[in-house]
């Protein structure tokens, strides 16, 4: 029953989709340096999971709200993930990410 509760929880689905996009982005960066069937398969599986989470989320909330929550989660994670892949962001890129987050906050209110 706990698993079914998670898949009907709006916050969980939005965060899962954002995390999935961030992981897929990291995998795409890995694939850009060393493309293997395993990495491509992992990207496909991750994106399939994200699509499933988004469909379940869109059954419960409006499109705009779903994408605001997903975009905020994904933006934060991708900004943090750049350090994981060894490409720290410049001040200009961090400022751009901050503008995206501020825009998401403005739209969400």
C-alpha atoms as a PDB file:
ATOM      1  CA  UNK A   1       0.000   0.000   0.000  1.00  0.00           C
ATOM      2  CA  UNK A   2       2.899   2.359   0.720  1.00  0.00           C
ATOM      3  CA  UNK A   3       4.109   2.116  -2.898  1.00  0.00           C
ATOM      4  CA  UNK A   4       0.656   3.029  -4.195  1.00  0.00           C
ATOM      5  CA  UNK A   5       0.556   5.991  -1.819  1.00  0.00           C
ATOM      6  CA  UNK A   6       3.902   7.240  -3.169  1.00  0.00           C
ATOM      7  CA  UNK A   7       2.716   7.043  -6.763  1.00  0.00           C
ATOM      8  CA  UNK A   8      -0.327   9.128  -5.899  1.00  0.00           C
ATOM      9  CA  UNK A   9       1.641  11.739  -3.940  1.00  0.00           C
ATOM     10  CA  UNK A  10       1.960  14.909  -6.036  1.00  0.00           C
ATOM     11  CA  UNK A  11       5.128  16.158  -4.356  1.00  0.00           C
ATOM     12  CA  UNK A  12       6.842  12.780  -4.749  1.00  0.00           C
ATOM     13  CA  UNK A  13       5.942  12.596  -8.447  1.00  0.00           C
ATOM     14  CA  UNK A  14       7.153  16.144  -9.156  1.00  0.00           C
ATOM     15  CA  UNK A  15      10.437  15.564  -7.332  1.00  0.00           C
ATOM     16  CA  UNK A  16      10.880  12.150  -8.972  1.00  0.00           C
ATOM     17  CA  UNK A  17      10.441  13.704 -12.427  1.00  0.00           C
ATOM     18  CA  UNK A  18      12.903  16.500 -11.663  1.00  0.00           C
ATOM     19  CA  UNK A  19      15.457  14.063 -10.238  1.00  0.00           C
ATOM     20  CA  UNK A  20      14.958  11.788 -13.247  1.00  0.00           C
ATOM     21  CA  UNK A  21      15.637  14.626 -15.670  1.00  0.00           C
ATOM     22  CA  UNK A  22      18.753  15.606 -13.732  1.00  0.00           C
ATOM     23  CA  UNK A  23      20.056  12.022 -13.744  1.00  0.00           C
ATOM     24  CA  UNK A  24      19.313  11.722 -17.466  1.00  0.00           C
ATOM     25  CA  UNK A  25      21.263  14.945 -18.031  1.00  0.00           C
ATOM     26  CA  UNK A  26      24.281  13.567 -16.162  1.00  0.00           C
ATOM     27  CA  UNK A  27      24.045  10.345 -18.180  1.00  0.00           C
ATOM     28  CA  UNK A  28      23.909  12.373 -21.401  1.00  0.00           C
ATOM     29  CA  UNK A  29      27.089  14.183 -20.348  1.00  0.00           C
ATOM     30  CA  UNK A  30      28.734  10.807 -19.719  1.00  0.00           C
ATOM     31  CA  UNK A  31      27.507   9.606 -23.132  1.00  0.00           C
ATOM     32  CA  UNK A  32      29.036  12.671 -24.792  1.00  0.00           C
ATOM     33  CA  UNK A  33      32.459  11.509 -23.680  1.00  0.00           C
ATOM     34  CA  UNK A  34      32.065   7.717 -23.923  1.00  0.00           C
ATOM     35  CA  UNK A  35      28.966   6.478 -25.717  1.00  0.00           C
ATOM     36  CA  UNK A  36      28.104   2.906 -24.834  1.00  0.00           C
ATOM     37  CA  UNK A  37      24.979   0.846 -25.210  1.00  0.00           C
ATOM     38  CA  UNK A  38      24.677   0.664 -21.421  1.00  0.00           C
ATOM     39  CA  UNK A  39      24.679   4.453 -21.026  1.00  0.00           C
ATOM     40  CA  UNK A  40      22.182   4.925 -23.870  1.00  0.00           C
ATOM     41  CA  UNK A  41      19.964   2.246 -22.318  1.00  0.00           C
ATOM     42  CA  UNK A  42      20.192   3.923 -18.914  1.00  0.00           C
ATOM     43  CA  UNK A  43      19.175   7.258 -20.461  1.00  0.00           C
ATOM     44  CA  UNK A  44      16.196   5.620 -22.176  1.00  0.00           C
ATOM     45  CA  UNK A  45      15.088   3.896 -18.957  1.00  0.00           C
ATOM     46  CA  UNK A  46      15.427   7.101 -16.956  1.00  0.00           C
ATOM     47  CA  UNK A  47      13.424   9.110 -19.475  1.00  0.00           C
ATOM     48  CA  UNK A  48      10.736   6.393 -19.558  1.00  0.00           C
ATOM     49  CA  UNK A  49      10.481   6.611 -15.766  1.00  0.00           C
ATOM     50  CA  UNK A  50      10.230  10.416 -15.977  1.00  0.00           C
ATOM     51  CA  UNK A  51       7.443  10.207 -18.554  1.00  0.00           C
ATOM     52  CA  UNK A  52       5.552   7.790 -16.310  1.00  0.00           C
ATOM     53  CA  UNK A  53       5.947  10.079 -13.284  1.00  0.00           C
ATOM     54  CA  UNK A  54       4.780  13.082 -15.315  1.00  0.00           C
ATOM     55  CA  UNK A  55       1.711  11.261 -16.634  1.00  0.00           C
ATOM     56  CA  UNK A  56       0.739  10.231 -13.101  1.00  0.00           C
ATOM     57  CA  UNK A  57       1.327  13.790 -11.877  1.00  0.00           C
ATOM     58  CA  UNK A  58      -0.707  15.344 -14.705  1.00  0.00           C
ATOM     59  CA  UNK A  59      -3.666  13.190 -13.683  1.00  0.00           C
ATOM     60  CA  UNK A  60      -3.714  15.114 -10.405  1.00  0.00           C
ATOM     61  CA  UNK A  61      -2.614  18.686 -11.126  1.00  0.00           C
ATOM     62  CA  UNK A  62      -2.743  21.265 -13.886  1.00  0.00           C
ATOM     63  CA  UNK A  63      -0.013  21.299 -16.516  1.00  0.00           C
ATOM     64  CA  UNK A  64       1.414  24.644 -15.422  1.00  0.00           C
ATOM     65  CA  UNK A  65       1.786  23.638 -11.791  1.00  0.00           C
ATOM     66  CA  UNK A  66       3.357  20.306 -12.719  1.00  0.00           C
ATOM     67  CA  UNK A  67       6.013  21.877 -14.917  1.00  0.00           C
ATOM     68  CA  UNK A  68       6.808  24.627 -12.422  1.00  0.00           C
ATOM     69  CA  UNK A  69       7.522  22.028  -9.737  1.00  0.00           C
ATOM     70  CA  UNK A  70       9.496  19.798 -12.108  1.00  0.00           C
ATOM     71  CA  UNK A  71      11.505  22.704 -13.549  1.00  0.00           C
ATOM     72  CA  UNK A  72      12.463  24.015 -10.118  1.00  0.00           C
ATOM     73  CA  UNK A  73      13.631  20.595  -8.953  1.00  0.00           C
ATOM     74  CA  UNK A  74      15.514  19.874 -12.167  1.00  0.00           C
ATOM     75  CA  UNK A  75      17.205  23.290 -12.247  1.00  0.00           C
ATOM     76  CA  UNK A  76      18.485  22.973  -8.694  1.00  0.00           C
ATOM     77  CA  UNK A  77      19.777  19.462  -9.267  1.00  0.00           C
ATOM     78  CA  UNK A  78      21.445  20.223 -12.604  1.00  0.00           C
ATOM     79  CA  UNK A  79      23.162  23.277 -11.122  1.00  0.00           C
ATOM     80  CA  UNK A  80      24.499  21.074  -8.329  1.00  0.00           C
ATOM     81  CA  UNK A  81      25.350  18.194 -10.678  1.00  0.00           C
ATOM     82  CA  UNK A  82      27.757  20.275 -12.717  1.00  0.00           C
ATOM     83  CA  UNK A  83      30.279  19.876  -9.913  1.00  0.00           C
ATOM     84  CA  UNK A  84      29.739  16.089  -9.979  1.00  0.00           C
ATOM     85  CA  UNK A  85      30.773  15.896 -13.632  1.00  0.00           C
ATOM     86  CA  UNK A  86      33.724  18.201 -13.063  1.00  0.00           C
ATOM     87  CA  UNK A  87      32.415  21.300 -14.802  1.00  0.00           C
ATOM     88  CA  UNK A  88      31.822  23.998 -12.220  1.00  0.00           C
ATOM     89  CA  UNK A  89      29.645  26.859 -13.378  1.00  0.00           C
ATOM     90  CA  UNK A  90      30.819  30.392 -13.986  1.00  0.00           C
ATOM     91  CA  UNK A  91      29.238  33.305 -12.151  1.00  0.00           C
ATOM     92  CA  UNK A  92      27.263  34.140 -15.290  1.00  0.00           C
ATOM     93  CA  UNK A  93      25.849  30.597 -15.515  1.00  0.00           C
ATOM     94  CA  UNK A  94      24.971  30.578 -11.806  1.00  0.00           C
ATOM     95  CA  UNK A  95      23.231  33.929 -12.228  1.00  0.00           C
ATOM     96  CA  UNK A  96      21.255  32.517 -15.156  1.00  0.00           C
ATOM     97  CA  UNK A  97      20.212  29.516 -13.066  1.00  0.00           C
ATOM     98  CA  UNK A  98      19.180  31.851 -10.259  1.00  0.00           C
ATOM     99  CA  UNK A  99      17.049  33.829 -12.720  1.00  0.00           C
ATOM    100  CA  UNK A 100      15.330  30.612 -13.810  1.00  0.00           C
ATOM    101  CA  UNK A 101      14.570  29.765 -10.173  1.00  0.00           C
ATOM    102  CA  UNK A 102      13.293  33.274  -9.458  1.00  0.00           C
ATOM    103  CA  UNK A 103      11.099  33.072 -12.550  1.00  0.00           C
ATOM    104  CA  UNK A 104       9.699  29.746 -11.388  1.00  0.00           C
ATOM    105  CA  UNK A 105       8.950  31.218  -7.966  1.00  0.00           C
ATOM    106  CA  UNK A 106       7.219  34.260  -9.470  1.00  0.00           C
ATOM    107  CA  UNK A 107       5.042  32.118 -11.732  1.00  0.00           C
ATOM    108  CA  UNK A 108       4.158  29.736  -8.911  1.00  0.00           C
ATOM    109  CA  UNK A 109       2.663  32.477  -6.717  1.00  0.00           C
END
